[in-house]
């Protein structure tokens, strides 16, 4: 175990996790909700008391839309990040342990020190009252590529059609759903 600790020490895994979390102004409890890891475990990782496993690092990487290579490469050498279509990883977003009505594919997970995050999102058909709503800091932009998207908030629902776009303040509770039978897909860009 000491050999593993010494080998991984130069990578400063805990410091990189903390840097990602603080850049998003996220607390340990909030990160725990997105990764299904306890705040105590995350604290131990950040402070270098626990060496995270690869699956644990993958959960953290997905929460911040970075690749595993973020933790093991010299970030100053990365100036261009390319994500090939076949490399994209799809994941269901989780809100408080409950599966939501959309799936994301990160379009820019290989990029380091991003000022925004870009996704292709695919939405499930749901009645408006069944939509799980969430909120976060920053801003959000949505461009509908296929189908009809229901953007649900406390003010009601706005339906966006193919080619429509919307900019929103995501600090207000909002959620999404597919409207109608046609598959609904959109590009979503968030800025913390």
N, C-alpha and C. Protein backbone atom coordinates (compact mmCIF):
# COMPACT_ATOMS: atom_id res chain seq x y z
N UNK A 1 0.82 -1.20 0.00
CA UNK A 1 0.00 0.00 0.00
C UNK A 1 0.86 1.26 0.00
N UNK A 2 1.99 1.25 0.72
CA UNK A 2 2.86 2.41 0.75
C UNK A 2 3.43 2.70 -0.63
N UNK A 3 3.73 1.65 -1.40
CA UNK A 3 4.25 1.83 -2.75
C UNK A 3 3.21 2.52 -3.63
N UNK A 4 1.94 2.11 -3.51
CA UNK A 4 0.87 2.72 -4.29
C UNK A 4 0.72 4.20 -3.89
N UNK A 5 0.74 4.47 -2.59
CA UNK A 5 0.62 5.85 -2.11
C UNK A 5 1.74 6.72 -2.66
N UNK A 6 2.95 6.21 -2.61
CA UNK A 6 4.10 6.99 -3.08
C UNK A 6 4.05 7.18 -4.60
N UNK A 7 3.60 6.17 -5.32
CA UNK A 7 3.51 6.27 -6.77
C UNK A 7 2.45 7.29 -7.19
N UNK A 8 1.33 7.34 -6.46
CA UNK A 8 0.24 8.25 -6.82
C UNK A 8 0.40 9.66 -6.24
N UNK A 9 1.28 9.83 -5.28
CA UNK A 9 1.45 11.12 -4.61
C UNK A 9 1.69 12.29 -5.57
N UNK A 10 2.57 12.15 -6.57
CA UNK A 10 2.80 13.29 -7.48
C UNK A 10 1.56 13.74 -8.26
N UNK A 11 0.59 12.87 -8.42
CA UNK A 11 -0.61 13.22 -9.17
C UNK A 11 -1.56 14.11 -8.37
N UNK A 12 -1.41 14.18 -7.06
CA UNK A 12 -2.23 15.03 -6.19
C UNK A 12 -3.72 14.86 -6.49
N UNK A 13 -4.19 13.62 -6.44
CA UNK A 13 -5.58 13.33 -6.78
C UNK A 13 -6.56 14.10 -5.91
N UNK A 14 -6.32 14.11 -4.60
CA UNK A 14 -7.22 14.82 -3.69
C UNK A 14 -7.29 16.30 -3.98
N UNK A 15 -6.14 16.92 -4.25
CA UNK A 15 -6.11 18.36 -4.55
C UNK A 15 -6.87 18.65 -5.84
N UNK A 16 -6.78 17.74 -6.82
CA UNK A 16 -7.50 17.94 -8.08
C UNK A 16 -9.00 17.82 -7.87
N UNK A 17 -9.43 16.88 -7.03
CA UNK A 17 -10.86 16.75 -6.72
C UNK A 17 -11.34 18.03 -6.05
N UNK A 18 -10.59 18.51 -5.06
CA UNK A 18 -10.97 19.74 -4.33
C UNK A 18 -11.04 20.92 -5.31
N UNK A 19 -10.06 21.05 -6.20
CA UNK A 19 -10.04 22.16 -7.16
C UNK A 19 -11.29 22.13 -8.05
N UNK A 20 -11.64 20.94 -8.54
CA UNK A 20 -12.85 20.82 -9.36
C UNK A 20 -14.09 21.23 -8.58
N UNK A 21 -14.17 20.77 -7.34
CA UNK A 21 -15.35 21.06 -6.51
C UNK A 21 -15.46 22.54 -6.21
N UNK A 22 -14.35 23.17 -5.85
CA UNK A 22 -14.39 24.59 -5.50
C UNK A 22 -14.66 25.47 -6.72
N UNK A 23 -14.18 25.05 -7.88
CA UNK A 23 -14.47 25.82 -9.10
C UNK A 23 -15.96 25.88 -9.38
N UNK A 24 -16.66 24.83 -9.00
CA UNK A 24 -18.12 24.79 -9.21
C UNK A 24 -18.87 25.34 -8.00
N UNK A 25 -18.12 25.86 -7.00
CA UNK A 25 -18.73 26.38 -5.75
C UNK A 25 -19.65 25.33 -5.15
N UNK A 26 -19.17 24.11 -5.09
CA UNK A 26 -19.96 22.98 -4.63
C UNK A 26 -19.44 22.50 -3.28
N UNK A 27 -20.35 22.20 -2.38
CA UNK A 27 -19.97 21.63 -1.09
C UNK A 27 -19.81 20.12 -1.19
N UNK A 28 -19.25 19.53 -0.14
CA UNK A 28 -19.07 18.07 -0.12
C UNK A 28 -20.40 17.33 -0.15
N UNK A 29 -21.42 17.87 0.50
CA UNK A 29 -22.73 17.22 0.53
C UNK A 29 -23.33 17.19 -0.88
N UNK A 30 -23.24 18.33 -1.60
CA UNK A 30 -23.78 18.39 -2.96
C UNK A 30 -23.02 17.45 -3.89
N UNK A 31 -21.69 17.43 -3.77
CA UNK A 31 -20.91 16.50 -4.60
C UNK A 31 -21.28 15.06 -4.26
N UNK A 32 -21.53 14.79 -2.99
CA UNK A 32 -21.95 13.45 -2.58
C UNK A 32 -23.25 13.02 -3.25
N UNK A 33 -24.17 13.97 -3.43
CA UNK A 33 -25.44 13.65 -4.10
C UNK A 33 -25.22 13.28 -5.56
N UNK A 34 -24.27 13.95 -6.20
CA UNK A 34 -24.01 13.69 -7.63
C UNK A 34 -23.18 12.43 -7.86
N UNK A 35 -22.44 11.98 -6.83
CA UNK A 35 -21.54 10.84 -7.01
C UNK A 35 -21.97 9.61 -6.23
N UNK A 36 -22.95 9.74 -5.35
CA UNK A 36 -23.38 8.67 -4.44
C UNK A 36 -22.25 8.27 -3.48
N UNK A 37 -21.34 9.21 -3.20
CA UNK A 37 -20.27 9.00 -2.21
C UNK A 37 -20.58 9.86 -1.00
N UNK A 38 -20.19 9.40 0.17
CA UNK A 38 -20.47 10.17 1.38
C UNK A 38 -19.56 11.39 1.45
N UNK A 39 -20.04 12.48 2.06
CA UNK A 39 -19.19 13.65 2.24
C UNK A 39 -17.91 13.31 3.03
N UNK A 40 -18.01 12.39 3.99
CA UNK A 40 -16.83 11.99 4.77
C UNK A 40 -15.79 11.32 3.88
N UNK A 41 -16.24 10.45 2.97
CA UNK A 41 -15.31 9.78 2.06
C UNK A 41 -14.67 10.80 1.12
N UNK A 42 -15.48 11.73 0.61
CA UNK A 42 -14.94 12.76 -0.29
C UNK A 42 -13.91 13.63 0.43
N UNK A 43 -14.16 13.94 1.68
CA UNK A 43 -13.20 14.72 2.47
C UNK A 43 -11.89 13.96 2.65
N UNK A 44 -11.99 12.67 2.93
CA UNK A 44 -10.78 11.85 3.08
C UNK A 44 -9.98 11.80 1.77
N UNK A 45 -10.69 11.71 0.65
CA UNK A 45 -10.01 11.71 -0.65
C UNK A 45 -9.31 13.05 -0.87
N UNK A 46 -10.03 14.14 -0.64
CA UNK A 46 -9.46 15.47 -0.87
C UNK A 46 -8.25 15.74 0.02
N UNK A 47 -8.26 15.20 1.23
CA UNK A 47 -7.16 15.43 2.16
C UNK A 47 -6.05 14.41 2.05
N UNK A 48 -6.17 13.48 1.10
CA UNK A 48 -5.12 12.50 0.86
C UNK A 48 -5.07 11.37 1.87
N UNK A 49 -6.14 11.18 2.64
CA UNK A 49 -6.17 10.10 3.63
C UNK A 49 -6.64 8.78 3.03
N UNK A 50 -7.30 8.86 1.86
CA UNK A 50 -7.80 7.67 1.17
C UNK A 50 -7.41 7.80 -0.30
N UNK A 51 -6.95 6.70 -0.87
CA UNK A 51 -6.66 6.66 -2.31
C UNK A 51 -7.93 6.20 -3.01
N UNK A 52 -8.49 7.03 -3.90
CA UNK A 52 -9.74 6.63 -4.56
C UNK A 52 -9.50 5.51 -5.57
N UNK A 53 -10.48 4.63 -5.67
CA UNK A 53 -10.43 3.58 -6.69
C UNK A 53 -10.77 4.19 -8.04
N UNK A 54 -10.51 3.46 -9.11
CA UNK A 54 -10.84 3.95 -10.45
C UNK A 54 -12.35 4.20 -10.58
N UNK A 55 -13.23 3.27 -10.12
CA UNK A 55 -14.67 3.57 -10.22
C UNK A 55 -15.07 4.82 -9.43
N UNK A 56 -14.44 5.06 -8.29
CA UNK A 56 -14.72 6.26 -7.51
C UNK A 56 -14.28 7.50 -8.27
N UNK A 57 -13.09 7.46 -8.86
CA UNK A 57 -12.62 8.59 -9.66
C UNK A 57 -13.53 8.82 -10.86
N UNK A 58 -14.05 7.74 -11.45
CA UNK A 58 -14.94 7.88 -12.60
C UNK A 58 -16.23 8.60 -12.19
N UNK A 59 -16.77 8.27 -11.03
CA UNK A 59 -17.98 8.96 -10.55
C UNK A 59 -17.72 10.45 -10.39
N UNK A 60 -16.56 10.77 -9.80
CA UNK A 60 -16.21 12.17 -9.60
C UNK A 60 -15.98 12.86 -10.94
N UNK A 61 -15.29 12.18 -11.85
CA UNK A 61 -15.03 12.75 -13.18
C UNK A 61 -16.33 13.05 -13.91
N UNK A 62 -17.29 12.13 -13.86
CA UNK A 62 -18.57 12.35 -14.53
C UNK A 62 -19.33 13.51 -13.92
N UNK A 63 -19.25 13.67 -12.60
CA UNK A 63 -19.93 14.78 -11.93
C UNK A 63 -19.41 16.13 -12.42
N UNK A 64 -18.14 16.17 -12.81
CA UNK A 64 -17.54 17.42 -13.27
C UNK A 64 -17.30 17.44 -14.78
N UNK A 65 -17.79 16.42 -15.47
CA UNK A 65 -17.64 16.34 -16.93
C UNK A 65 -16.18 16.42 -17.38
N UNK A 66 -15.32 15.70 -16.67
CA UNK A 66 -13.92 15.58 -17.08
C UNK A 66 -13.62 14.11 -17.33
N UNK A 67 -12.58 13.83 -18.08
CA UNK A 67 -12.16 12.46 -18.29
C UNK A 67 -11.24 12.01 -17.17
N UNK A 68 -11.04 10.71 -17.05
CA UNK A 68 -10.12 10.18 -16.04
C UNK A 68 -8.71 10.73 -16.24
N UNK A 69 -8.37 11.03 -17.49
CA UNK A 69 -7.02 11.55 -17.75
C UNK A 69 -6.77 12.87 -17.03
N UNK A 70 -7.83 13.58 -16.65
CA UNK A 70 -7.66 14.83 -15.89
C UNK A 70 -6.82 14.59 -14.64
N UNK A 71 -7.02 13.45 -14.02
CA UNK A 71 -6.34 13.15 -12.76
C UNK A 71 -4.90 12.66 -12.95
N UNK A 72 -4.55 12.23 -14.16
CA UNK A 72 -3.26 11.58 -14.36
C UNK A 72 -2.37 12.24 -15.42
N UNK A 73 -2.75 13.42 -15.91
CA UNK A 73 -1.92 14.08 -16.91
C UNK A 73 -1.53 15.48 -16.45
N UNK A 74 -0.50 16.01 -17.09
CA UNK A 74 -0.08 17.38 -16.83
C UNK A 74 -1.07 18.28 -17.56
N UNK A 75 -1.93 18.93 -16.82
CA UNK A 75 -3.01 19.70 -17.41
C UNK A 75 -2.51 20.90 -18.21
N UNK A 76 -1.34 21.41 -17.90
CA UNK A 76 -0.83 22.56 -18.62
C UNK A 76 -0.49 22.23 -20.07
N UNK A 77 -0.35 20.94 -20.38
CA UNK A 77 -0.02 20.54 -21.75
C UNK A 77 -1.25 20.45 -22.65
N UNK A 78 -2.42 20.52 -22.07
CA UNK A 78 -3.65 20.35 -22.85
C UNK A 78 -4.16 21.70 -23.35
N UNK A 79 -4.15 21.87 -24.67
CA UNK A 79 -4.65 23.10 -25.27
C UNK A 79 -5.84 22.81 -26.18
N UNK A 80 -5.96 21.59 -26.62
CA UNK A 80 -7.05 21.18 -27.52
C UNK A 80 -7.58 19.86 -27.02
N UNK A 81 -8.87 19.76 -26.88
CA UNK A 81 -9.48 18.51 -26.42
C UNK A 81 -10.50 18.07 -27.46
N UNK A 82 -10.30 16.89 -27.99
CA UNK A 82 -11.21 16.34 -29.00
C UNK A 82 -11.92 15.14 -28.39
N UNK A 83 -13.22 15.11 -28.57
CA UNK A 83 -14.02 13.97 -28.13
C UNK A 83 -14.66 13.37 -29.38
N UNK A 84 -14.25 12.19 -29.72
CA UNK A 84 -14.82 11.50 -30.88
C UNK A 84 -16.20 10.97 -30.52
N UNK A 85 -17.09 10.88 -31.49
CA UNK A 85 -18.45 10.44 -31.24
C UNK A 85 -18.48 9.10 -30.52
N UNK A 86 -17.63 8.17 -30.94
CA UNK A 86 -17.64 6.83 -30.33
C UNK A 86 -17.06 6.82 -28.92
N UNK A 87 -16.41 7.90 -28.50
CA UNK A 87 -15.81 7.98 -27.16
C UNK A 87 -16.77 8.55 -26.12
N UNK A 88 -17.83 9.18 -26.58
CA UNK A 88 -18.76 9.80 -25.64
C UNK A 88 -19.35 8.75 -24.70
N UNK A 89 -19.50 9.15 -23.46
CA UNK A 89 -20.07 8.25 -22.46
C UNK A 89 -21.43 8.81 -22.05
N UNK A 90 -22.42 7.95 -22.11
CA UNK A 90 -23.77 8.37 -21.75
C UNK A 90 -24.00 8.06 -20.28
N UNK A 91 -24.67 8.97 -19.61
CA UNK A 91 -25.04 8.72 -18.23
C UNK A 91 -26.38 9.38 -17.94
N UNK A 92 -27.10 8.77 -17.02
CA UNK A 92 -28.36 9.33 -16.54
C UNK A 92 -28.01 10.29 -15.43
N UNK A 93 -28.60 11.46 -15.49
CA UNK A 93 -28.38 12.41 -14.42
C UNK A 93 -29.17 11.94 -13.21
N UNK A 94 -28.62 12.16 -12.03
CA UNK A 94 -29.30 11.78 -10.79
C UNK A 94 -29.54 13.03 -9.96
N UNK A 95 -30.72 13.17 -9.45
CA UNK A 95 -31.06 14.27 -8.57
C UNK A 95 -31.50 13.68 -7.24
N UNK A 96 -30.66 13.80 -6.24
CA UNK A 96 -31.00 13.27 -4.93
C UNK A 96 -31.26 11.78 -4.95
N UNK A 97 -30.52 11.04 -5.78
CA UNK A 97 -30.67 9.59 -5.84
C UNK A 97 -31.82 9.13 -6.73
N UNK A 98 -32.58 10.09 -7.29
CA UNK A 98 -33.73 9.74 -8.13
C UNK A 98 -33.37 9.97 -9.60
N UNK A 99 -33.63 8.98 -10.44
CA UNK A 99 -33.33 9.10 -11.87
C UNK A 99 -34.24 10.14 -12.50
N UNK A 100 -33.68 10.99 -13.34
CA UNK A 100 -34.46 12.03 -14.00
C UNK A 100 -34.86 11.56 -15.40
N UNK A 101 -35.58 12.42 -16.11
CA UNK A 101 -36.14 12.05 -17.40
C UNK A 101 -35.23 12.42 -18.56
N UNK A 102 -33.92 12.45 -18.34
CA UNK A 102 -33.01 12.75 -19.43
C UNK A 102 -31.69 12.03 -19.25
N UNK A 103 -31.01 11.84 -20.38
CA UNK A 103 -29.68 11.22 -20.40
C UNK A 103 -28.74 12.21 -21.07
N UNK A 104 -27.53 12.29 -20.56
CA UNK A 104 -26.54 13.22 -21.10
C UNK A 104 -25.38 12.47 -21.72
N UNK A 105 -24.81 13.04 -22.76
CA UNK A 105 -23.52 12.64 -23.29
C UNK A 105 -22.66 13.90 -23.27
N UNK A 106 -21.57 13.86 -22.54
CA UNK A 106 -20.70 15.02 -22.47
C UNK A 106 -19.95 15.18 -23.79
N UNK A 107 -19.99 16.39 -24.34
CA UNK A 107 -19.32 16.68 -25.59
C UNK A 107 -17.90 17.21 -25.38
N UNK A 108 -17.57 17.57 -24.16
CA UNK A 108 -16.29 18.23 -23.91
C UNK A 108 -15.57 17.71 -22.67
N UNK A 109 -15.82 16.45 -22.29
CA UNK A 109 -15.27 15.94 -21.04
C UNK A 109 -13.75 15.89 -21.03
N UNK A 110 -13.12 15.85 -22.16
CA UNK A 110 -11.65 15.80 -22.19
C UNK A 110 -11.01 17.17 -21.96
N UNK A 111 -11.76 18.23 -22.13
CA UNK A 111 -11.22 19.58 -21.98
C UNK A 111 -10.91 19.88 -20.52
N UNK A 112 -9.83 20.58 -20.30
CA UNK A 112 -9.39 20.94 -18.96
C UNK A 112 -9.70 22.42 -18.72
N UNK A 113 -10.05 22.75 -17.49
CA UNK A 113 -10.33 24.13 -17.11
C UNK A 113 -11.39 24.79 -17.99
N UNK A 114 -12.44 24.04 -18.28
CA UNK A 114 -13.53 24.58 -19.10
C UNK A 114 -14.24 25.70 -18.38
N UNK A 115 -14.72 26.64 -19.15
CA UNK A 115 -15.55 27.73 -18.62
C UNK A 115 -17.04 27.39 -18.78
N UNK A 116 -17.31 26.30 -19.50
CA UNK A 116 -18.68 25.84 -19.71
C UNK A 116 -18.65 24.33 -19.89
N UNK A 117 -19.81 23.72 -19.88
CA UNK A 117 -19.95 22.28 -20.15
C UNK A 117 -21.02 22.10 -21.22
N UNK A 118 -20.73 21.27 -22.22
CA UNK A 118 -21.67 21.05 -23.31
C UNK A 118 -22.07 19.58 -23.37
N UNK A 119 -23.37 19.35 -23.62
CA UNK A 119 -23.92 18.00 -23.63
C UNK A 119 -24.89 17.83 -24.79
N UNK A 120 -25.03 16.59 -25.23
CA UNK A 120 -26.20 16.20 -26.01
C UNK A 120 -27.11 15.51 -25.01
N UNK A 121 -28.33 15.96 -24.95
CA UNK A 121 -29.29 15.40 -23.99
C UNK A 121 -30.44 14.76 -24.76
N UNK A 122 -30.88 13.61 -24.26
CA UNK A 122 -32.06 12.96 -24.81
C UNK A 122 -33.08 12.83 -23.69
N UNK A 123 -34.33 13.17 -23.99
CA UNK A 123 -35.35 13.29 -22.97
C UNK A 123 -36.40 12.19 -23.09
N UNK A 124 -37.00 11.86 -21.96
CA UNK A 124 -38.03 10.82 -21.89
C UNK A 124 -39.41 11.48 -21.90
N UNK A 125 -40.42 10.78 -22.44
CA UNK A 125 -41.78 11.33 -22.39
C UNK A 125 -42.36 11.14 -20.99
N UNK A 126 -42.89 12.21 -20.43
CA UNK A 126 -43.49 12.20 -19.09
C UNK A 126 -44.64 13.20 -19.07
N UNK A 127 -45.61 12.99 -18.18
CA UNK A 127 -46.59 14.06 -17.97
C UNK A 127 -45.90 15.20 -17.20
N UNK A 128 -46.31 16.45 -17.40
CA UNK A 128 -45.64 17.59 -16.76
C UNK A 128 -45.51 17.45 -15.24
N UNK A 129 -46.52 16.88 -14.61
CA UNK A 129 -46.50 16.77 -13.14
C UNK A 129 -45.48 15.73 -12.64
N UNK A 130 -44.97 14.88 -13.52
CA UNK A 130 -44.00 13.85 -13.12
C UNK A 130 -42.55 14.28 -13.34
N UNK A 131 -42.34 15.48 -13.88
CA UNK A 131 -40.99 15.97 -14.17
C UNK A 131 -40.26 16.31 -12.87
N UNK A 132 -39.05 15.76 -12.72
CA UNK A 132 -38.20 16.09 -11.58
C UNK A 132 -37.50 17.41 -11.89
N UNK A 133 -37.70 18.39 -11.00
CA UNK A 133 -37.09 19.70 -11.22
C UNK A 133 -35.84 19.83 -10.36
N UNK A 134 -34.93 20.69 -10.81
CA UNK A 134 -33.68 20.92 -10.10
C UNK A 134 -33.26 22.37 -10.31
N UNK A 135 -32.26 22.80 -9.60
CA UNK A 135 -31.71 24.12 -9.80
C UNK A 135 -30.20 24.07 -9.57
N UNK A 136 -29.49 25.00 -10.17
CA UNK A 136 -28.05 25.11 -9.99
C UNK A 136 -27.64 26.53 -10.33
N UNK A 137 -26.44 26.88 -9.99
CA UNK A 137 -25.94 28.23 -10.25
C UNK A 137 -25.51 28.38 -11.70
N UNK A 138 -25.30 29.62 -12.14
CA UNK A 138 -24.75 29.88 -13.45
C UNK A 138 -25.81 30.23 -14.47
N UNK A 139 -25.61 29.73 -15.68
CA UNK A 139 -26.57 29.94 -16.76
C UNK A 139 -26.67 28.67 -17.58
N UNK A 140 -27.74 28.58 -18.36
CA UNK A 140 -27.97 27.38 -19.16
C UNK A 140 -28.57 27.79 -20.51
N UNK A 141 -28.09 27.14 -21.56
CA UNK A 141 -28.58 27.39 -22.91
C UNK A 141 -28.98 26.04 -23.50
N UNK A 142 -30.13 26.00 -24.18
CA UNK A 142 -30.64 24.77 -24.77
C UNK A 142 -31.00 25.03 -26.23
N UNK A 143 -30.57 24.11 -27.11
CA UNK A 143 -30.93 24.16 -28.53
C UNK A 143 -31.55 22.81 -28.89
N UNK A 144 -32.80 22.81 -29.33
CA UNK A 144 -33.51 21.57 -29.65
C UNK A 144 -33.14 21.11 -31.07
N UNK A 145 -32.58 19.91 -31.16
CA UNK A 145 -32.17 19.34 -32.45
C UNK A 145 -33.23 18.44 -33.06
N UNK A 146 -34.06 17.80 -32.22
CA UNK A 146 -35.09 16.89 -32.72
C UNK A 146 -36.24 16.85 -31.72
N UNK A 147 -37.45 16.71 -32.24
CA UNK A 147 -38.62 16.55 -31.39
C UNK A 147 -39.08 17.84 -30.75
N UNK A 148 -39.86 17.67 -29.66
CA UNK A 148 -40.38 18.81 -28.90
C UNK A 148 -39.96 18.63 -27.44
N UNK A 149 -39.45 19.70 -26.86
CA UNK A 149 -38.96 19.69 -25.48
C UNK A 149 -39.87 20.53 -24.60
N UNK A 150 -40.37 19.93 -23.52
CA UNK A 150 -41.12 20.67 -22.53
C UNK A 150 -40.16 21.16 -21.45
N UNK A 151 -40.04 22.47 -21.30
CA UNK A 151 -39.21 23.08 -20.26
C UNK A 151 -40.15 23.49 -19.14
N UNK A 152 -40.10 22.76 -18.04
CA UNK A 152 -41.06 22.91 -16.95
C UNK A 152 -40.44 23.73 -15.82
N UNK A 153 -41.18 24.72 -15.33
CA UNK A 153 -40.72 25.53 -14.19
C UNK A 153 -41.93 25.86 -13.33
N UNK A 154 -41.71 26.63 -12.28
CA UNK A 154 -42.80 27.05 -11.39
C UNK A 154 -43.81 27.90 -12.15
N UNK A 155 -43.39 28.53 -13.24
CA UNK A 155 -44.28 29.37 -14.05
C UNK A 155 -45.10 28.57 -15.04
N UNK A 156 -44.88 27.27 -15.12
CA UNK A 156 -45.60 26.43 -16.07
C UNK A 156 -44.64 25.74 -17.01
N UNK A 157 -45.12 25.47 -18.23
CA UNK A 157 -44.30 24.76 -19.20
C UNK A 157 -44.25 25.54 -20.51
N UNK A 158 -43.04 25.62 -21.07
CA UNK A 158 -42.82 26.19 -22.39
C UNK A 158 -42.40 25.04 -23.29
N UNK A 159 -43.02 24.91 -24.45
CA UNK A 159 -42.67 23.83 -25.38
C UNK A 159 -41.78 24.42 -26.47
N UNK A 160 -40.59 23.83 -26.61
CA UNK A 160 -39.64 24.22 -27.64
C UNK A 160 -39.67 23.18 -28.75
N UNK A 161 -39.70 23.64 -30.00
CA UNK A 161 -39.72 22.76 -31.16
C UNK A 161 -38.32 22.68 -31.77
N UNK A 162 -38.14 21.73 -32.68
CA UNK A 162 -36.86 21.57 -33.39
C UNK A 162 -36.41 22.92 -33.94
N UNK A 163 -35.16 23.29 -33.65
CA UNK A 163 -34.62 24.56 -34.10
C UNK A 163 -34.79 25.69 -33.11
N UNK A 164 -35.65 25.51 -32.10
CA UNK A 164 -35.83 26.54 -31.07
C UNK A 164 -34.69 26.47 -30.06
N UNK A 165 -34.45 27.59 -29.39
CA UNK A 165 -33.44 27.61 -28.34
C UNK A 165 -33.97 28.42 -27.17
N UNK A 166 -33.35 28.24 -26.03
CA UNK A 166 -33.74 28.97 -24.82
C UNK A 166 -32.52 29.20 -23.95
N UNK A 167 -32.48 30.36 -23.33
CA UNK A 167 -31.47 30.70 -22.34
C UNK A 167 -32.22 30.85 -21.03
N UNK A 168 -31.70 30.26 -19.95
CA UNK A 168 -32.42 30.38 -18.69
C UNK A 168 -31.49 30.55 -17.50
N UNK A 169 -32.05 31.12 -16.47
CA UNK A 169 -31.38 31.24 -15.19
C UNK A 169 -31.70 29.96 -14.43
N UNK A 170 -30.73 29.04 -14.30
CA UNK A 170 -31.03 27.74 -13.71
C UNK A 170 -31.11 27.74 -12.19
N UNK A 171 -30.96 28.92 -11.57
CA UNK A 171 -31.11 28.96 -10.11
C UNK A 171 -32.58 28.85 -9.71
N UNK A 172 -33.49 28.97 -10.71
CA UNK A 172 -34.91 28.73 -10.47
C UNK A 172 -35.20 27.29 -10.84
N UNK A 173 -36.05 26.65 -10.08
CA UNK A 173 -36.37 25.23 -10.27
C UNK A 173 -36.91 24.99 -11.69
N UNK A 174 -36.29 24.00 -12.36
CA UNK A 174 -36.69 23.69 -13.73
C UNK A 174 -36.45 22.21 -14.03
N UNK A 175 -37.12 21.72 -15.06
CA UNK A 175 -36.96 20.33 -15.48
C UNK A 175 -37.35 20.20 -16.94
N UNK A 176 -37.19 19.00 -17.48
CA UNK A 176 -37.41 18.80 -18.91
C UNK A 176 -38.22 17.52 -19.14
N UNK A 177 -38.85 17.48 -20.31
CA UNK A 177 -39.55 16.27 -20.72
C UNK A 177 -39.73 16.27 -22.23
N UNK A 178 -39.83 15.10 -22.81
CA UNK A 178 -40.18 14.95 -24.22
C UNK A 178 -41.67 15.18 -24.34
N UNK A 179 -42.07 15.99 -25.31
CA UNK A 179 -43.49 16.23 -25.58
C UNK A 179 -43.82 15.52 -26.89
N UNK A 180 -44.82 14.65 -26.86
CA UNK A 180 -45.20 13.93 -28.07
C UNK A 180 -44.38 12.67 -28.27
N UNK A 181 -44.69 11.93 -29.34
CA UNK A 181 -44.06 10.62 -29.55
C UNK A 181 -42.66 10.67 -30.18
N UNK A 182 -42.32 11.78 -30.84
CA UNK A 182 -41.03 11.87 -31.53
C UNK A 182 -39.88 12.04 -30.54
N UNK A 183 -38.80 11.29 -30.79
CA UNK A 183 -37.60 11.37 -29.96
C UNK A 183 -37.16 12.84 -29.82
N UNK A 184 -36.82 13.24 -28.59
CA UNK A 184 -36.42 14.63 -28.31
C UNK A 184 -34.95 14.67 -27.92
N UNK A 185 -34.18 15.48 -28.65
CA UNK A 185 -32.75 15.59 -28.41
C UNK A 185 -32.36 17.06 -28.48
N UNK A 186 -31.45 17.48 -27.59
CA UNK A 186 -31.03 18.88 -27.56
C UNK A 186 -29.57 18.99 -27.17
N UNK A 187 -28.98 20.09 -27.52
CA UNK A 187 -27.66 20.46 -27.01
C UNK A 187 -27.89 21.37 -25.82
N UNK A 188 -27.23 21.04 -24.71
CA UNK A 188 -27.36 21.83 -23.49
C UNK A 188 -25.97 22.33 -23.12
N UNK A 189 -25.85 23.63 -22.91
CA UNK A 189 -24.58 24.22 -22.48
C UNK A 189 -24.82 24.90 -21.15
N UNK A 190 -24.02 24.54 -20.15
CA UNK A 190 -24.13 25.17 -18.83
C UNK A 190 -22.83 25.91 -18.53
N UNK A 191 -23.00 27.04 -17.86
CA UNK A 191 -21.85 27.84 -17.41
C UNK A 191 -22.01 28.00 -15.91
N UNK A 192 -20.99 27.58 -15.14
CA UNK A 192 -21.13 27.68 -13.68
C UNK A 192 -21.16 29.13 -13.20
